[in-house]
PDB file of N, CA and C in Angstrom:
ATOM      1  N   MET A   1      18.040 -40.852  47.772  1.00  0.00           N
ATOM      2  CA  MET A   1      17.589 -39.653  47.091  1.00  0.00           C
ATOM      3  C   MET A   1      17.458 -38.570  48.117  1.00  0.00           C
ATOM      4  N   LYS A   2      17.958 -37.395  47.717  1.00  0.00           N
ATOM      5  CA  LYS A   2      17.683 -36.112  48.433  1.00  0.00           C
ATOM      6  C   LYS A   2      16.475 -35.694  48.341  1.00  0.00           C
ATOM      7  N   GLU A   3      15.832 -34.779  49.338  1.00  0.00           N
ATOM      8  CA  GLU A   3      14.761 -34.084  49.114  1.00  0.00           C
ATOM      9  C   GLU A   3      14.965 -32.665  49.117  1.00  0.00           C
ATOM     10  N   VAL A   4      14.162 -31.666  48.261  1.00  0.00           N
ATOM     11  CA  VAL A   4      14.219 -30.241  48.379  1.00  0.00           C
ATOM     12  C   VAL A   4      12.983 -30.007  48.447  1.00  0.00           C
ATOM     13  N   LYS A   5      12.709 -28.982  49.574  1.00  0.00           N
ATOM     14  CA  LYS A   5      11.407 -28.595  49.953  1.00  0.00           C
ATOM     15  C   LYS A   5      11.202 -27.212  49.342  1.00  0.00           C
ATOM     16  N   ILE A   6      10.161 -26.826  48.375  1.00  0.00           N
ATOM     17  CA  ILE A   6       9.796 -25.728  48.288  1.00  0.00           C
ATOM     18  C   ILE A   6       8.485 -25.291  48.640  1.00  0.00           C
ATOM     19  N   ASN A   7       8.341 -24.181  48.736  1.00  0.00           N
ATOM     20  CA  ASN A   7       7.414 -23.513  49.235  1.00  0.00           C
ATOM     21  C   ASN A   7       6.139 -22.788  48.475  1.00  0.00           C
ATOM     22  N   THR A   8       6.599 -23.059  47.167  1.00  0.00           N
ATOM     23  CA  THR A   8       5.619 -22.499  46.260  1.00  0.00           C
ATOM     24  C   THR A   8       5.107 -23.757  45.346  1.00  0.00           C
ATOM     25  N   GLU A   9       4.053 -23.372  44.600  1.00  0.00           N
ATOM     26  CA  GLU A   9       3.313 -24.481  43.790  1.00  0.00           C
ATOM     27  C   GLU A   9       4.443 -24.965  42.708  1.00  0.00           C
ATOM     28  N   ILE A  10       5.066 -23.773  42.003  1.00  0.00           N
ATOM     29  CA  ILE A  10       6.142 -24.421  41.006  1.00  0.00           C
ATOM     30  C   ILE A  10       7.402 -23.636  41.122  1.00  0.00           C
ATOM     31  N   ILE A  11       8.279 -24.027  40.604  1.00  0.00           N
ATOM     32  CA  ILE A  11       9.559 -23.381  40.597  1.00  0.00           C
ATOM     33  C   ILE A  11      10.349 -23.530  39.319  1.00  0.00           C
ATOM     34  N   LYS A  12      11.037 -22.705  38.678  1.00  0.00           N
ATOM     35  CA  LYS A  12      11.784 -23.076  37.420  1.00  0.00           C
ATOM     36  C   LYS A  12      13.036 -24.013  37.524  1.00  0.00           C
ATOM     37  N   LEU A  13      13.558 -24.698  36.765  1.00  0.00           N
ATOM     38  CA  LEU A  13      14.345 -25.585  36.733  1.00  0.00           C
ATOM     39  C   LEU A  13      15.574 -25.074  37.242  1.00  0.00           C
ATOM     40  N   ASP A  14      16.061 -23.824  36.468  1.00  0.00           N
ATOM     41  CA  ASP A  14      17.367 -23.391  36.802  1.00  0.00           C
ATOM     42  C   ASP A  14      17.400 -22.743  38.259  1.00  0.00           C
ATOM     43  N   GLN A  15      16.184 -22.050  38.709  1.00  0.00           N
ATOM     44  CA  GLN A  15      16.126 -21.613  39.980  1.00  0.00           C
ATOM     45  C   GLN A  15      16.334 -22.678  41.243  1.00  0.00           C
ATOM     46  N   LEU A  16      15.652 -23.788  40.727  1.00  0.00           N
ATOM     47  CA  LEU A  16      15.587 -25.033  41.575  1.00  0.00           C
ATOM     48  C   LEU A  16      17.077 -25.501  41.944  1.00  0.00           C
ATOM     49  N   LEU A  17      17.962 -25.737  40.652  1.00  0.00           N
ATOM     50  CA  LEU A  17      19.263 -25.920  40.972  1.00  0.00           C
ATOM     51  C   LEU A  17      20.045 -25.177  41.867  1.00  0.00           C
ATOM     52  N   LYS A  18      19.571 -24.037  41.709  1.00  0.00           N
ATOM     53  CA  LYS A  18      20.406 -23.014  42.513  1.00  0.00           C
ATOM     54  C   LYS A  18      19.952 -22.997  44.105  1.00  0.00           C
ATOM     55  N   PHE A  19      18.538 -23.120  44.331  1.00  0.00           N
ATOM     56  CA  PHE A  19      18.019 -23.238  45.648  1.00  0.00           C
ATOM     57  C   PHE A  19      18.404 -24.614  46.221  1.00  0.00           C
ATOM     58  N   ALA A  20      18.697 -25.656  45.396  1.00  0.00           N
ATOM     59  CA  ALA A  20      19.052 -26.944  46.225  1.00  0.00           C
ATOM     60  C   ALA A  20      20.539 -26.944  46.302  1.00  0.00           C
ATOM     61  N   GLY A  21      21.360 -25.979  46.046  1.00  0.00           N
ATOM     62  CA  GLY A  21      22.678 -25.845  46.118  1.00  0.00           C
ATOM     63  C   GLY A  21      23.539 -26.679  45.189  1.00  0.00           C
ATOM     64  N   ILE A  22      22.905 -27.181  44.169  1.00  0.00           N
ATOM     65  CA  ILE A  22      23.544 -27.963  43.011  1.00  0.00           C
ATOM     66  C   ILE A  22      24.461 -26.852  42.207  1.00  0.00           C
ATOM     67  N   THR A  23      24.011 -25.781  41.854  1.00  0.00           N
ATOM     68  CA  THR A  23      24.881 -24.516  41.404  1.00  0.00           C
ATOM     69  C   THR A  23      24.998 -23.573  42.257  1.00  0.00           C
ATOM     70  N   GLN A  24      25.812 -22.615  42.041  1.00  0.00           N
ATOM     71  CA  GLN A  24      26.199 -21.438  42.847  1.00  0.00           C
ATOM     72  C   GLN A  24      25.408 -20.176  41.956  1.00  0.00           C
ATOM     73  N   THR A  25      25.648 -20.250  40.631  1.00  0.00           N
ATOM     74  CA  THR A  25      24.920 -19.194  40.038  1.00  0.00           C
ATOM     75  C   THR A  25      23.904 -19.548  38.879  1.00  0.00           C
ATOM     76  N   GLY A  26      23.031 -18.942  38.511  1.00  0.00           N
ATOM     77  CA  GLY A  26      22.250 -18.954  37.204  1.00  0.00           C
ATOM     78  C   GLY A  26      22.895 -19.386  36.113  1.00  0.00           C
ATOM     79  N   GLY A  27      24.147 -18.804  35.884  1.00  0.00           N
ATOM     80  CA  GLY A  27      24.914 -19.263  34.716  1.00  0.00           C
ATOM     81  C   GLY A  27      25.511 -20.792  34.756  1.00  0.00           C
ATOM     82  N   GLN A  28      25.806 -21.142  35.732  1.00  0.00           N
ATOM     83  CA  GLN A  28      26.149 -22.645  35.853  1.00  0.00           C
ATOM     84  C   GLN A  28      24.952 -23.510  35.808  1.00  0.00           C
ATOM     85  N   SER A  29      23.861 -22.962  36.273  1.00  0.00           N
ATOM     86  CA  SER A  29      22.509 -23.893  36.062  1.00  0.00           C
ATOM     87  C   SER A  29      22.120 -24.075  34.577  1.00  0.00           C
ATOM     88  N   LYS A  30      22.333 -22.684  33.830  1.00  0.00           N
ATOM     89  CA  LYS A  30      22.168 -22.865  32.198  1.00  0.00           C
ATOM     90  C   LYS A  30      22.986 -23.490  31.661  1.00  0.00           C
ATOM     91  N   MET A  31      24.340 -23.849  32.244  1.00  0.00           N
ATOM     92  CA  MET A  31      25.513 -24.502  31.536  1.00  0.00           C
ATOM     93  C   MET A  31      25.066 -26.068  31.385  1.00  0.00           C
ATOM     94  N   ILE A  32      24.558 -26.563  32.765  1.00  0.00           N
ATOM     95  CA  ILE A  32      24.485 -27.879  33.019  1.00  0.00           C
ATOM     96  C   ILE A  32      23.048 -28.426  32.424  1.00  0.00           C
ATOM     97  N   ILE A  33      22.367 -27.324  32.002  1.00  0.00           N
ATOM     98  CA  ILE A  33      20.890 -27.870  31.776  1.00  0.00           C
ATOM     99  C   ILE A  33      21.185 -27.900  30.047  1.00  0.00           C
ATOM    100  N   SER A  34      21.857 -26.879  29.556  1.00  0.00           N
ATOM    101  CA  SER A  34      21.929 -26.920  27.877  1.00  0.00           C
ATOM    102  C   SER A  34      22.908 -27.969  27.738  1.00  0.00           C
ATOM    103  N   ASP A  35      23.861 -28.365  28.522  1.00  0.00           N
ATOM    104  CA  ASP A  35      24.801 -29.527  28.097  1.00  0.00           C
ATOM    105  C   ASP A  35      24.095 -31.132  28.169  1.00  0.00           C
ATOM    106  N   GLY A  36      22.802 -30.903  28.438  1.00  0.00           N
ATOM    107  CA  GLY A  36      22.039 -32.214  28.656  1.00  0.00           C
ATOM    108  C   GLY A  36      22.084 -32.925  30.025  1.00  0.00           C
ATOM    109  N   LEU A  37      22.572 -32.448  30.868  1.00  0.00           N
ATOM    110  CA  LEU A  37      23.009 -33.300  31.998  1.00  0.00           C
ATOM    111  C   LEU A  37      21.856 -33.429  33.191  1.00  0.00           C
ATOM    112  N   VAL A  38      20.833 -32.813  32.787  1.00  0.00           N
ATOM    113  CA  VAL A  38      19.719 -32.834  33.830  1.00  0.00           C
ATOM    114  C   VAL A  38      18.539 -33.530  33.104  1.00  0.00           C
ATOM    115  N   SER A  39      17.667 -34.321  34.082  1.00  0.00           N
ATOM    116  CA  SER A  39      16.647 -34.963  33.591  1.00  0.00           C
ATOM    117  C   SER A  39      15.474 -34.725  34.408  1.00  0.00           C
ATOM    118  N   VAL A  40      14.216 -34.573  34.109  1.00  0.00           N
ATOM    119  CA  VAL A  40      13.077 -34.465  35.158  1.00  0.00           C
ATOM    120  C   VAL A  40      12.334 -35.596  34.722  1.00  0.00           C
ATOM    121  N   ASN A  41      12.038 -36.337  35.751  1.00  0.00           N
ATOM    122  CA  ASN A  41      11.053 -37.497  35.704  1.00  0.00           C
ATOM    123  C   ASN A  41      11.441 -38.466  34.748  1.00  0.00           C
ATOM    124  N   GLY A  42      12.939 -38.536  34.495  1.00  0.00           N
ATOM    125  CA  GLY A  42      13.629 -39.521  33.579  1.00  0.00           C
ATOM    126  C   GLY A  42      13.583 -39.041  32.004  1.00  0.00           C
ATOM    127  N   LYS A  43      13.125 -37.954  31.864  1.00  0.00           N
ATOM    128  CA  LYS A  43      13.198 -37.233  30.397  1.00  0.00           C
ATOM    129  C   LYS A  43      14.273 -36.178  30.533  1.00  0.00           C
ATOM    130  N   ASN A  44      15.286 -36.153  29.468  1.00  0.00           N
ATOM    131  CA  ASN A  44      16.290 -34.964  29.559  1.00  0.00           C
ATOM    132  C   ASN A  44      15.626 -33.831  29.199  1.00  0.00           C
ATOM    133  N   VAL A  45      16.277 -32.784  29.873  1.00  0.00           N
ATOM    134  CA  VAL A  45      15.327 -31.618  29.871  1.00  0.00           C
ATOM    135  C   VAL A  45      16.567 -30.425  29.341  1.00  0.00           C
ATOM    136  N   LYS A  46      16.227 -29.801  28.313  1.00  0.00           N
ATOM    137  CA  LYS A  46      17.252 -28.504  27.887  1.00  0.00           C
ATOM    138  C   LYS A  46      16.625 -27.164  28.100  1.00  0.00           C
ATOM    139  N   GLU A  47      15.415 -27.106  28.678  1.00  0.00           N
ATOM    140  CA  GLU A  47      14.763 -25.914  29.012  1.00  0.00           C
ATOM    141  C   GLU A  47      14.922 -25.392  30.319  1.00  0.00           C
ATOM    142  N   ARG A  48      15.698 -24.300  30.443  1.00  0.00           N
ATOM    143  CA  ARG A  48      15.807 -23.749  31.978  1.00  0.00           C
ATOM    144  C   ARG A  48      15.053 -23.219  32.398  1.00  0.00           C
ATOM    145  N   GLY A  49      13.802 -22.926  31.869  1.00  0.00           N
ATOM    146  CA  GLY A  49      12.521 -22.342  32.352  1.00  0.00           C
ATOM    147  C   GLY A  49      11.492 -23.484  32.707  1.00  0.00           C
ATOM    148  N   LYS A  50      11.816 -24.808  32.386  1.00  0.00           N
ATOM    149  CA  LYS A  50      10.760 -25.870  32.930  1.00  0.00           C
ATOM    150  C   LYS A  50      10.530 -25.634  34.063  1.00  0.00           C
ATOM    151  N   LYS A  51       9.009 -25.676  34.313  1.00  0.00           N
ATOM    152  CA  LYS A  51       8.342 -25.672  35.550  1.00  0.00           C
ATOM    153  C   LYS A  51       8.543 -27.150  36.298  1.00  0.00           C
ATOM    154  N   ILE A  52       8.779 -26.976  37.431  1.00  0.00           N
ATOM    155  CA  ILE A  52       9.035 -27.963  38.509  1.00  0.00           C
ATOM    156  C   ILE A  52       7.958 -27.941  39.575  1.00  0.00           C
ATOM    157  N   LYS A  53       7.382 -29.007  39.818  1.00  0.00           N
ATOM    158  CA  LYS A  53       6.567 -28.993  40.957  1.00  0.00           C
ATOM    159  C   LYS A  53       7.006 -30.086  41.932  1.00  0.00           C
ATOM    160  N   LYS A  54       6.165 -30.256  42.819  1.00  0.00           N
ATOM    161  CA  LYS A  54       6.138 -31.151  44.036  1.00  0.00           C
ATOM    162  C   LYS A  54       6.127 -32.552  43.503  1.00  0.00           C
ATOM    163  N   GLY A  55       6.904 -33.359  43.761  1.00  0.00           N
ATOM    164  CA  GLY A  55       6.760 -34.741  43.505  1.00  0.00           C
ATOM    165  C   GLY A  55       7.659 -35.003  42.242  1.00  0.00           C
ATOM    166  N   ASP A  56       8.247 -34.081  41.600  1.00  0.00           N
ATOM    167  CA  ASP A  56       9.248 -34.222  40.497  1.00  0.00           C
ATOM    168  C   ASP A  56      10.539 -34.665  40.835  1.00  0.00           C
ATOM    169  N   ILE A  57      10.921 -35.509  39.998  1.00  0.00           N
ATOM    170  CA  ILE A  57      12.411 -36.168  40.427  1.00  0.00           C
ATOM    171  C   ILE A  57      13.614 -35.507  39.445  1.00  0.00           C
ATOM    172  N   ILE A  58      14.482 -35.073  40.027  1.00  0.00           N
ATOM    173  CA  ILE A  58      15.248 -34.477  39.192  1.00  0.00           C
ATOM    174  C   ILE A  58      16.810 -35.100  39.341  1.00  0.00           C
ATOM    175  N   GLU A  59      17.498 -35.392  38.428  1.00  0.00           N
ATOM    176  CA  GLU A  59      18.559 -36.031  38.266  1.00  0.00           C
ATOM    177  C   GLU A  59      19.609 -35.208  37.284  1.00  0.00           C
ATOM    178  N   ILE A  60      20.889 -35.367  37.968  1.00  0.00           N
ATOM    179  CA  ILE A  60      22.088 -34.579  37.410  1.00  0.00           C
ATOM    180  C   ILE A  60      22.942 -35.573  37.034  1.00  0.00           C
ATOM    181  N   LYS A  61      23.482 -35.928  36.003  1.00  0.00           N
ATOM    182  CA  LYS A  61      24.085 -37.014  35.488  1.00  0.00           C
ATOM    183  C   LYS A  61      25.224 -37.231  36.243  1.00  0.00           C
ATOM    184  N   ASP A  62      25.530 -38.341  36.825  1.00  0.00           N
ATOM    185  CA  ASP A  62      26.909 -38.659  37.566  1.00  0.00           C
ATOM    186  C   ASP A  62      27.110 -37.843  38.560  1.00  0.00           C
ATOM    187  N   ARG A  63      25.818 -37.209  39.274  1.00  0.00           N
ATOM    188  CA  ARG A  63      26.101 -36.287  40.515  1.00  0.00           C
ATOM    189  C   ARG A  63      24.990 -36.529  41.561  1.00  0.00           C
ATOM    190  N   ASP A  64      23.869 -36.154  41.384  1.00  0.00           N
ATOM    191  CA  ASP A  64      22.691 -36.153  42.307  1.00  0.00           C
ATOM    192  C   ASP A  64      21.623 -36.492  41.925  1.00  0.00           C
ATOM    193  N   THR A  65      20.456 -36.991  42.606  1.00  0.00           N
ATOM    194  CA  THR A  65      19.001 -37.416  42.156  1.00  0.00           C
ATOM    195  C   THR A  65      18.412 -36.801  43.496  1.00  0.00           C
ATOM    196  N   PHE A  66      17.309 -36.024  43.294  1.00  0.00           N
ATOM    197  CA  PHE A  66      16.452 -35.409  44.341  1.00  0.00           C
ATOM    198  C   PHE A  66      15.022 -35.459  43.889  1.00  0.00           C
ATOM    199  N   ILE A  67      14.182 -35.500  44.866  1.00  0.00           N
ATOM    200  CA  ILE A  67      12.743 -35.272  44.842  1.00  0.00           C
ATOM    201  C   ILE A  67      12.540 -33.739  45.344  1.00  0.00           C
ATOM    202  N   VAL A  68      11.291 -33.390  44.564  1.00  0.00           N
ATOM    203  CA  VAL A  68      10.980 -31.988  45.082  1.00  0.00           C
ATOM    204  C   VAL A  68       9.534 -32.103  45.916  1.00  0.00           C
ATOM    205  N   ILE A  69       9.610 -31.842  47.318  1.00  0.00           N
ATOM    206  CA  ILE A  69       8.449 -31.836  48.241  1.00  0.00           C
ATOM    207  C   ILE A  69       7.862 -30.707  48.641  1.00  0.00           C
TER     208      ILE A  69
END
C-alpha cells in the first residue's frame, strides 16, 4: 500500500487523485470517480468533492491502493 502525505487537515478526492499522481487532470479524476472506480475506506464513492482526511484508505479499482498520512 502506497502512502500519500498531505499537509492540510482535509483534501477533496479529485484533488487528491491529481496530487497523488493517479490522474493528470481534474477531468480524468472526475471520470474515474463518476465511473465508480474509486472507493474510500471500502465504500464506493461518486462524489468528486468528498472530503478526505489523514488515515483514509483510497482504492482505485484494478489499479492502486493508498493511505493518506
